[in-house]
Amino acid sequence: MHDLARARFGLGDRRAAMELLDEAIEISRRTGISFIGPRVLGFIAVISDDPQQRKHALAEGADVLAGGRCIAHNHLWFYRFAIDSSLADQAWDAAEKYADALDAFTEAERIPWADLQIKRGRLLAAFGRDPANTQVRADLGALQNLASEVGQLAIEAELAEILAH
């Protein structure tokens, strides 16, 4: 349901995506939220139009992760989505906090995908604070090139659009 919600959202159907996520999180709460709950909650925080729902989803996801019984993919995706949600809300400190949490989670074993997300979150937060900062713009350009090289085309396109303005 989570993946179908991401596909619906990608096709522009936010309402259908939220309906799927609402059902997915309810099932997750009944069957064992530590399996995929934080990932679902993170995506709810990305696509919800309701600031309170986004805030609640991020808080609940972080609480579940703090419980220590989650499979690693929850940490990776929750922090990625929490970064995205924070950036969308122009909550630069929160975006950095989630990037730092992802960095701490992967500290013992670096994951290139996570490193890209960490750098992206930190740089976009810095850019949000000061879009005219030439060093940040240069670093975003380098990150765009890296995203292209490693096949992260959505990130490449996102950064190209940001840097075009």
N, C-alpha and C. Protein backbone atom coordinates (compact mmCIF):
# COMPACT_ATOMS: atom_id res chain seq x y z
N MET A 1 0.83 -1.19 0.00
CA MET A 1 0.00 0.00 0.00
C MET A 1 0.88 1.26 0.00
N HIS A 2 1.97 1.21 0.74
CA HIS A 2 2.90 2.33 0.76
C HIS A 2 3.43 2.60 -0.64
N ASP A 3 3.88 1.55 -1.32
CA ASP A 3 4.44 1.73 -2.65
C ASP A 3 3.38 2.18 -3.64
N LEU A 4 2.19 1.66 -3.52
CA LEU A 4 1.09 2.10 -4.38
C LEU A 4 0.77 3.57 -4.11
N ALA A 5 0.82 3.98 -2.84
CA ALA A 5 0.59 5.38 -2.50
C ALA A 5 1.66 6.27 -3.13
N ARG A 6 2.90 5.82 -3.11
CA ARG A 6 3.97 6.61 -3.75
C ARG A 6 3.72 6.73 -5.25
N ALA A 7 3.25 5.65 -5.86
CA ALA A 7 2.94 5.70 -7.30
C ALA A 7 1.78 6.65 -7.58
N ARG A 8 0.74 6.58 -6.77
CA ARG A 8 -0.41 7.49 -6.95
C ARG A 8 0.01 8.94 -6.79
N PHE A 9 0.84 9.19 -5.78
CA PHE A 9 1.32 10.55 -5.55
C PHE A 9 2.17 11.01 -6.74
N GLY A 10 3.00 10.13 -7.24
CA GLY A 10 3.83 10.45 -8.40
C GLY A 10 3.01 10.78 -9.63
N LEU A 11 1.82 10.21 -9.71
CA LEU A 11 0.91 10.50 -10.82
C LEU A 11 0.03 11.72 -10.55
N GLY A 12 0.24 12.34 -9.39
CA GLY A 12 -0.49 13.56 -9.07
C GLY A 12 -1.79 13.37 -8.31
N ASP A 13 -2.04 12.16 -7.84
CA ASP A 13 -3.29 11.89 -7.11
C ASP A 13 -3.01 11.83 -5.61
N ARG A 14 -2.87 12.99 -5.01
CA ARG A 14 -2.56 13.10 -3.58
C ARG A 14 -3.66 12.48 -2.72
N ARG A 15 -4.91 12.71 -3.09
CA ARG A 15 -6.02 12.20 -2.29
C ARG A 15 -5.99 10.67 -2.22
N ALA A 16 -5.83 10.02 -3.36
CA ALA A 16 -5.77 8.55 -3.37
C ALA A 16 -4.56 8.06 -2.59
N ALA A 17 -3.44 8.76 -2.72
CA ALA A 17 -2.24 8.37 -1.98
C ALA A 17 -2.48 8.46 -0.48
N MET A 18 -3.10 9.53 -0.02
CA MET A 18 -3.37 9.67 1.42
C MET A 18 -4.34 8.61 1.91
N GLU A 19 -5.33 8.27 1.11
CA GLU A 19 -6.26 7.22 1.51
C GLU A 19 -5.51 5.89 1.70
N LEU A 20 -4.63 5.57 0.79
CA LEU A 20 -3.84 4.34 0.90
C LEU A 20 -2.94 4.38 2.13
N LEU A 21 -2.30 5.53 2.37
CA LEU A 21 -1.42 5.65 3.53
C LEU A 21 -2.19 5.58 4.84
N ASP A 22 -3.35 6.20 4.89
CA ASP A 22 -4.18 6.11 6.10
C ASP A 22 -4.52 4.66 6.41
N GLU A 23 -4.88 3.91 5.39
CA GLU A 23 -5.19 2.49 5.59
C GLU A 23 -3.94 1.71 5.96
N ALA A 24 -2.82 2.02 5.31
CA ALA A 24 -1.57 1.31 5.58
C ALA A 24 -1.12 1.52 7.02
N ILE A 25 -1.22 2.74 7.53
CA ILE A 25 -0.74 2.98 8.89
C ILE A 25 -1.67 2.33 9.91
N GLU A 26 -2.96 2.29 9.63
CA GLU A 26 -3.88 1.61 10.54
C GLU A 26 -3.58 0.11 10.59
N ILE A 27 -3.33 -0.50 9.45
CA ILE A 27 -2.96 -1.92 9.42
C ILE A 27 -1.64 -2.12 10.17
N SER A 28 -0.70 -1.23 9.93
CA SER A 28 0.60 -1.32 10.59
C SER A 28 0.47 -1.23 12.11
N ARG A 29 -0.38 -0.34 12.58
CA ARG A 29 -0.57 -0.21 14.03
C ARG A 29 -1.17 -1.48 14.63
N ARG A 30 -2.01 -2.17 13.87
CA ARG A 30 -2.64 -3.39 14.37
C ARG A 30 -1.72 -4.60 14.30
N THR A 31 -0.81 -4.62 13.31
CA THR A 31 -0.05 -5.83 13.07
C THR A 31 1.42 -5.75 13.49
N GLY A 32 1.89 -4.59 13.85
CA GLY A 32 3.29 -4.43 14.25
C GLY A 32 3.94 -3.24 13.57
N ILE A 33 3.81 -2.10 14.19
CA ILE A 33 4.23 -0.85 13.58
C ILE A 33 5.72 -0.79 13.31
N SER A 34 6.50 -1.59 14.00
CA SER A 34 7.95 -1.51 13.81
C SER A 34 8.42 -2.11 12.48
N PHE A 35 7.54 -2.83 11.77
CA PHE A 35 7.96 -3.43 10.51
C PHE A 35 8.09 -2.39 9.39
N ILE A 36 7.07 -1.55 9.21
CA ILE A 36 7.12 -0.54 8.15
C ILE A 36 6.47 0.77 8.56
N GLY A 37 5.98 0.85 9.78
CA GLY A 37 5.28 2.04 10.24
C GLY A 37 6.03 3.35 10.08
N PRO A 38 7.29 3.45 10.51
CA PRO A 38 8.00 4.72 10.34
C PRO A 38 8.13 5.16 8.89
N ARG A 39 8.32 4.21 8.00
CA ARG A 39 8.40 4.56 6.58
C ARG A 39 7.08 5.14 6.10
N VAL A 40 5.98 4.52 6.48
CA VAL A 40 4.65 5.02 6.10
C VAL A 40 4.41 6.39 6.73
N LEU A 41 4.74 6.54 8.00
CA LEU A 41 4.55 7.82 8.68
C LEU A 41 5.39 8.93 8.04
N GLY A 42 6.59 8.58 7.64
CA GLY A 42 7.44 9.56 6.96
C GLY A 42 6.82 10.04 5.67
N PHE A 43 6.25 9.12 4.90
CA PHE A 43 5.63 9.53 3.64
C PHE A 43 4.35 10.32 3.87
N ILE A 44 3.62 9.98 4.93
CA ILE A 44 2.46 10.80 5.30
C ILE A 44 2.91 12.23 5.55
N ALA A 45 4.04 12.39 6.23
CA ALA A 45 4.55 13.74 6.52
C ALA A 45 4.95 14.48 5.24
N VAL A 46 5.32 13.76 4.21
CA VAL A 46 5.68 14.39 2.95
C VAL A 46 4.45 14.88 2.21
N ILE A 47 3.38 14.09 2.16
CA ILE A 47 2.29 14.44 1.25
C ILE A 47 1.05 15.03 1.92
N SER A 48 0.98 14.99 3.22
CA SER A 48 -0.20 15.55 3.89
C SER A 48 -0.26 17.08 3.71
N ASP A 49 -1.46 17.58 3.51
CA ASP A 49 -1.68 19.03 3.43
C ASP A 49 -1.89 19.64 4.81
N ASP A 50 -2.03 18.80 5.82
CA ASP A 50 -2.35 19.25 7.18
C ASP A 50 -1.07 19.36 8.02
N PRO A 51 -0.68 20.57 8.40
CA PRO A 51 0.56 20.73 9.19
C PRO A 51 0.56 19.92 10.49
N GLN A 52 -0.58 19.82 11.14
CA GLN A 52 -0.66 19.04 12.39
C GLN A 52 -0.45 17.55 12.12
N GLN A 53 -1.03 17.06 11.04
CA GLN A 53 -0.85 15.65 10.69
C GLN A 53 0.61 15.37 10.36
N ARG A 54 1.26 16.28 9.64
CA ARG A 54 2.69 16.11 9.32
C ARG A 54 3.50 16.07 10.61
N LYS A 55 3.24 17.01 11.51
CA LYS A 55 3.97 17.07 12.77
C LYS A 55 3.76 15.79 13.59
N HIS A 56 2.52 15.34 13.67
CA HIS A 56 2.20 14.13 14.42
C HIS A 56 2.87 12.90 13.78
N ALA A 57 2.85 12.81 12.45
CA ALA A 57 3.45 11.67 11.77
C ALA A 57 4.96 11.62 12.04
N LEU A 58 5.61 12.77 11.99
CA LEU A 58 7.05 12.80 12.26
C LEU A 58 7.35 12.43 13.71
N ALA A 59 6.55 12.93 14.63
CA ALA A 59 6.77 12.60 16.05
C ALA A 59 6.54 11.11 16.30
N GLU A 60 5.47 10.57 15.75
CA GLU A 60 5.18 9.15 15.97
C GLU A 60 6.26 8.27 15.32
N GLY A 61 6.68 8.63 14.11
CA GLY A 61 7.72 7.86 13.44
C GLY A 61 9.02 7.86 14.23
N ALA A 62 9.39 9.03 14.74
CA ALA A 62 10.62 9.13 15.54
C ALA A 62 10.49 8.31 16.82
N ASP A 63 9.32 8.32 17.44
CA ASP A 63 9.10 7.52 18.66
C ASP A 63 9.24 6.03 18.38
N VAL A 64 8.67 5.58 17.26
CA VAL A 64 8.76 4.16 16.93
C VAL A 64 10.23 3.78 16.68
N LEU A 65 10.95 4.63 15.96
CA LEU A 65 12.37 4.34 15.73
C LEU A 65 13.15 4.30 17.04
N ALA A 66 12.83 5.20 17.94
CA ALA A 66 13.53 5.26 19.23
C ALA A 66 13.28 4.01 20.05
N GLY A 67 12.18 3.30 19.76
CA GLY A 67 11.88 2.06 20.47
C GLY A 67 12.90 0.96 20.20
N GLY A 68 13.68 1.12 19.12
CA GLY A 68 14.80 0.23 18.86
C GLY A 68 14.49 -1.12 18.26
N ARG A 69 13.28 -1.36 17.82
CA ARG A 69 12.94 -2.68 17.28
C ARG A 69 12.61 -2.65 15.79
N CYS A 70 13.03 -1.59 15.12
CA CYS A 70 12.69 -1.43 13.70
C CYS A 70 13.75 -2.00 12.78
N ILE A 71 13.29 -2.50 11.67
CA ILE A 71 14.17 -2.94 10.60
C ILE A 71 14.82 -1.70 10.00
N ALA A 72 16.05 -1.85 9.52
CA ALA A 72 16.86 -0.70 9.08
C ALA A 72 16.19 0.15 8.01
N HIS A 73 15.43 -0.45 7.10
CA HIS A 73 14.84 0.36 6.04
C HIS A 73 13.94 1.46 6.59
N ASN A 74 13.38 1.24 7.76
CA ASN A 74 12.55 2.28 8.38
C ASN A 74 13.37 3.53 8.69
N HIS A 75 14.54 3.34 9.24
CA HIS A 75 15.41 4.48 9.56
C HIS A 75 15.78 5.22 8.28
N LEU A 76 16.22 4.47 7.29
CA LEU A 76 16.66 5.09 6.04
C LEU A 76 15.55 5.92 5.41
N TRP A 77 14.38 5.32 5.23
CA TRP A 77 13.29 6.01 4.54
C TRP A 77 12.61 7.06 5.42
N PHE A 78 12.45 6.77 6.70
CA PHE A 78 11.82 7.78 7.56
C PHE A 78 12.64 9.07 7.55
N TYR A 79 13.95 8.95 7.74
CA TYR A 79 14.77 10.16 7.77
C TYR A 79 14.78 10.86 6.42
N ARG A 80 14.80 10.10 5.34
CA ARG A 80 14.72 10.72 4.00
C ARG A 80 13.42 11.52 3.88
N PHE A 81 12.30 10.90 4.24
CA PHE A 81 11.02 11.58 4.14
C PHE A 81 10.91 12.74 5.12
N ALA A 82 11.48 12.57 6.31
CA ALA A 82 11.44 13.66 7.31
C ALA A 82 12.25 14.86 6.82
N ILE A 83 13.35 14.60 6.15
CA ILE A 83 14.12 15.69 5.54
C ILE A 83 13.25 16.40 4.51
N ASP A 84 12.61 15.64 3.63
CA ASP A 84 11.76 16.23 2.59
C ASP A 84 10.62 17.05 3.17
N SER A 85 9.96 16.51 4.17
CA SER A 85 8.85 17.21 4.80
C SER A 85 9.33 18.51 5.44
N SER A 86 10.45 18.45 6.11
CA SER A 86 11.00 19.64 6.77
C SER A 86 11.41 20.70 5.74
N LEU A 87 12.03 20.27 4.65
CA LEU A 87 12.40 21.22 3.61
C LEU A 87 11.16 21.88 3.01
N ALA A 88 10.12 21.10 2.77
CA ALA A 88 8.89 21.66 2.22
C ALA A 88 8.27 22.69 3.16
N ASP A 89 8.43 22.47 4.45
CA ASP A 89 7.90 23.41 5.46
C ASP A 89 8.88 24.55 5.76
N GLN A 90 10.00 24.58 5.06
CA GLN A 90 11.06 25.55 5.30
C GLN A 90 11.55 25.52 6.74
N ALA A 91 11.54 24.33 7.31
CA ALA A 91 12.04 24.10 8.67
C ALA A 91 13.49 23.63 8.54
N TRP A 92 14.38 24.58 8.28
CA TRP A 92 15.77 24.26 7.95
C TRP A 92 16.47 23.51 9.08
N ASP A 93 16.25 23.93 10.33
CA ASP A 93 16.89 23.24 11.46
C ASP A 93 16.41 21.79 11.56
N ALA A 94 15.13 21.58 11.33
CA ALA A 94 14.58 20.22 11.40
C ALA A 94 15.16 19.36 10.28
N ALA A 95 15.28 19.90 9.09
CA ALA A 95 15.88 19.14 7.98
C ALA A 95 17.29 18.71 8.34
N GLU A 96 18.05 19.62 8.92
CA GLU A 96 19.42 19.28 9.34
C GLU A 96 19.41 18.24 10.46
N LYS A 97 18.46 18.36 11.37
CA LYS A 97 18.35 17.39 12.47
C LYS A 97 18.11 15.98 11.92
N TYR A 98 17.24 15.86 10.94
CA TYR A 98 16.96 14.55 10.37
C TYR A 98 18.14 14.05 9.53
N ALA A 99 18.83 14.96 8.85
CA ALA A 99 20.04 14.56 8.12
C ALA A 99 21.09 14.05 9.10
N ASP A 100 21.22 14.74 10.24
CA ASP A 100 22.17 14.30 11.27
C ASP A 100 21.78 12.94 11.84
N ALA A 101 20.48 12.71 12.01
CA ALA A 101 20.02 11.42 12.54
C ALA A 101 20.32 10.30 11.55
N LEU A 102 20.12 10.56 10.27
CA LEU A 102 20.46 9.56 9.25
C LEU A 102 21.96 9.31 9.23
N ASP A 103 22.73 10.37 9.37
CA ASP A 103 24.19 10.26 9.43
C ASP A 103 24.61 9.39 10.62
N ALA A 104 24.02 9.65 11.76
CA ALA A 104 24.36 8.86 12.95
C ALA A 104 23.96 7.40 12.78
N PHE A 105 22.81 7.16 12.16
CA PHE A 105 22.35 5.79 11.98
C PHE A 105 23.29 5.00 11.07
N THR A 106 23.86 5.65 10.07
CA THR A 106 24.72 4.96 9.10
C THR A 106 26.20 5.13 9.40
N GLU A 107 26.53 5.70 10.55
CA GLU A 107 27.92 5.99 10.88
C GLU A 107 28.81 4.74 10.87
N ALA A 108 28.32 3.66 11.42
CA ALA A 108 29.14 2.44 11.52
C ALA A 108 29.34 1.77 10.17
N GLU A 109 28.41 1.96 9.27
CA GLU A 109 28.52 1.36 7.93
C GLU A 109 27.91 2.35 6.94
N ARG A 110 28.77 3.04 6.22
CA ARG A 110 28.32 4.06 5.28
C ARG A 110 27.54 3.42 4.14
N ILE A 111 26.47 4.09 3.74
CA ILE A 111 25.63 3.66 2.63
C ILE A 111 25.60 4.82 1.64
N PRO A 112 26.10 4.63 0.43
CA PRO A 112 26.17 5.75 -0.51
C PRO A 112 24.82 6.46 -0.72
N TRP A 113 23.73 5.70 -0.81
CA TRP A 113 22.41 6.31 -0.97
C TRP A 113 22.11 7.24 0.21
N ALA A 114 22.39 6.78 1.40
CA ALA A 114 22.13 7.59 2.59
C ALA A 114 23.05 8.81 2.62
N ASP A 115 24.31 8.63 2.24
CA ASP A 115 25.23 9.77 2.20
C ASP A 115 24.72 10.85 1.25
N LEU A 116 24.16 10.44 0.13
CA LEU A 116 23.58 11.39 -0.82
C LEU A 116 22.41 12.13 -0.19
N GLN A 117 21.55 11.40 0.53
CA GLN A 117 20.39 12.03 1.18
C GLN A 117 20.84 13.00 2.27
N ILE A 118 21.85 12.62 3.02
CA ILE A 118 22.37 13.47 4.10
C ILE A 118 22.90 14.77 3.53
N LYS A 119 23.74 14.64 2.53
CA LYS A 119 24.32 15.84 1.91
C LYS A 119 23.23 16.70 1.29
N ARG A 120 22.28 16.08 0.61
CA ARG A 120 21.17 16.81 -0.01
C ARG A 120 20.38 17.59 1.04
N GLY A 121 20.04 16.94 2.14
CA GLY A 121 19.27 17.60 3.19
C GLY A 121 20.01 18.79 3.78
N ARG A 122 21.28 18.59 4.07
CA ARG A 122 22.07 19.68 4.66
C ARG A 122 22.25 20.84 3.68
N LEU A 123 22.55 20.52 2.43
CA LEU A 123 22.77 21.59 1.45
C LEU A 123 21.48 22.34 1.12
N LEU A 124 20.37 21.63 1.02
CA LEU A 124 19.11 22.31 0.72
C LEU A 124 18.66 23.17 1.90
N ALA A 125 18.96 22.74 3.11
CA ALA A 125 18.66 23.58 4.28
C ALA A 125 19.52 24.85 4.23
N ALA A 126 20.80 24.70 3.93
CA ALA A 126 21.68 25.86 3.82
C ALA A 126 21.23 26.78 2.70
N PHE A 127 20.83 26.20 1.58
CA PHE A 127 20.33 26.98 0.44
C PHE A 127 19.04 27.71 0.82
N GLY A 128 18.17 27.04 1.56
CA GLY A 128 16.93 27.68 2.00
C GLY A 128 17.19 28.91 2.85
N ARG A 129 18.21 28.82 3.68
CA ARG A 129 18.57 29.96 4.54
C ARG A 129 19.19 31.11 3.74
N ASP A 130 19.97 30.75 2.69
CA ASP A 130 20.70 31.78 1.94
C ASP A 130 20.87 31.33 0.49
N PRO A 131 19.85 31.56 -0.33
CA PRO A 131 19.90 31.11 -1.73
C PRO A 131 21.02 31.77 -2.55
N ALA A 132 21.55 32.88 -2.09
CA ALA A 132 22.60 33.57 -2.83
C ALA A 132 24.00 33.07 -2.48
N ASN A 133 24.12 32.19 -1.52
CA ASN A 133 25.43 31.69 -1.09
C ASN A 133 26.08 30.92 -2.24
N THR A 134 27.15 31.47 -2.78
CA THR A 134 27.79 30.87 -3.97
C THR A 134 28.42 29.52 -3.66
N GLN A 135 28.95 29.33 -2.45
CA GLN A 135 29.54 28.04 -2.11
C GLN A 135 28.47 26.96 -2.04
N VAL A 136 27.34 27.29 -1.43
CA VAL A 136 26.25 26.32 -1.35
C VAL A 136 25.75 25.97 -2.75
N ARG A 137 25.61 26.97 -3.60
CA ARG A 137 25.17 26.73 -4.98
C ARG A 137 26.17 25.82 -5.71
N ALA A 138 27.45 26.08 -5.51
CA ALA A 138 28.48 25.23 -6.15
C ALA A 138 28.40 23.81 -5.61
N ASP A 139 28.20 23.66 -4.31
CA ASP A 139 28.09 22.33 -3.70
C ASP A 139 26.84 21.60 -4.21
N LEU A 140 25.76 22.35 -4.39
CA LEU A 140 24.54 21.74 -4.95
C LEU A 140 24.78 21.29 -6.39
N GLY A 141 25.53 22.07 -7.15
CA GLY A 141 25.87 21.67 -8.51
C GLY A 141 26.69 20.39 -8.53
N ALA A 142 27.65 20.29 -7.62
CA ALA A 142 28.46 19.08 -7.52
C ALA A 142 27.59 17.89 -7.11
N LEU A 143 26.66 18.13 -6.21
CA LEU A 143 25.76 17.06 -5.79
C LEU A 143 24.84 16.64 -6.94
N GLN A 144 24.41 17.60 -7.74
CA GLN A 144 23.60 17.28 -8.92
C GLN A 144 24.38 16.37 -9.87
N ASN A 145 25.64 16.69 -10.09
CA ASN A 145 26.49 15.85 -10.95
C ASN A 145 26.64 14.45 -10.37
N LEU A 146 26.85 14.36 -9.06
CA LEU A 146 26.97 13.06 -8.41
C LEU A 146 25.67 12.27 -8.57
N ALA A 147 24.55 12.93 -8.35
CA ALA A 147 23.25 12.25 -8.49
C ALA A 147 23.10 11.70 -9.90
N SER A 148 23.52 12.45 -10.88
CA SER A 148 23.47 11.98 -12.27
C SER A 148 24.36 10.75 -12.46
N GLU A 149 25.56 10.83 -11.94
CA GLU A 149 26.53 9.73 -12.10
C GLU A 149 26.04 8.43 -11.49
N VAL A 150 25.33 8.52 -10.37
CA VAL A 150 24.90 7.30 -9.67
C VAL A 150 23.47 6.91 -9.99
N GLY A 151 22.85 7.61 -10.95
CA GLY A 151 21.52 7.22 -11.41
C GLY A 151 20.38 7.69 -10.53
N GLN A 152 20.61 8.67 -9.67
CA GLN A 152 19.54 9.21 -8.84
C GLN A 152 18.91 10.39 -9.61
N LEU A 153 18.15 10.04 -10.64
CA LEU A 153 17.67 11.02 -11.60
C LEU A 153 16.64 11.98 -11.01
N ALA A 154 15.86 11.54 -10.06
CA ALA A 154 14.88 12.44 -9.43
C ALA A 154 15.61 13.54 -8.65
N ILE A 155 16.67 13.17 -7.96
CA ILE A 155 17.45 14.16 -7.22
C ILE A 155 18.17 15.09 -8.20
N GLU A 156 18.71 14.52 -9.26
CA GLU A 156 19.37 15.34 -10.27
C GLU A 156 18.40 16.39 -10.82
N ALA A 157 17.19 15.97 -11.17
CA ALA A 157 16.19 16.89 -11.71
C ALA A 157 15.77 17.93 -10.68
N GLU A 158 15.60 17.50 -9.44
CA GLU A 158 15.23 18.42 -8.37
C GLU A 158 16.28 19.51 -8.21
N LEU A 159 17.54 19.12 -8.18
CA LEU A 159 18.61 20.09 -7.99
C LEU A 159 18.77 21.00 -9.20
N ALA A 160 18.58 20.44 -10.40
CA ALA A 160 18.64 21.27 -11.61
C ALA A 160 17.58 22.35 -11.57
N GLU A 161 16.38 21.98 -11.15
CA GLU A 161 15.29 22.96 -11.06
C GLU A 161 15.59 24.03 -10.02
N ILE A 162 16.10 23.63 -8.89
CA ILE A 162 16.44 24.59 -7.82
C ILE A 162 17.53 25.54 -8.29
N LEU A 163 18.55 25.01 -8.93
CA LEU A 163 19.68 25.84 -9.35
C LEU A 163 19.35 26.74 -10.54
N ALA A 164 18.28 26.41 -11.26
CA ALA A 164 17.88 27.23 -12.40
C ALA A 164 17.28 28.57 -11.97
N HIS A 165 16.92 28.69 -10.72
CA HIS A 165 16.27 29.92 -10.25
C HIS A 165 17.23 30.78 -9.47
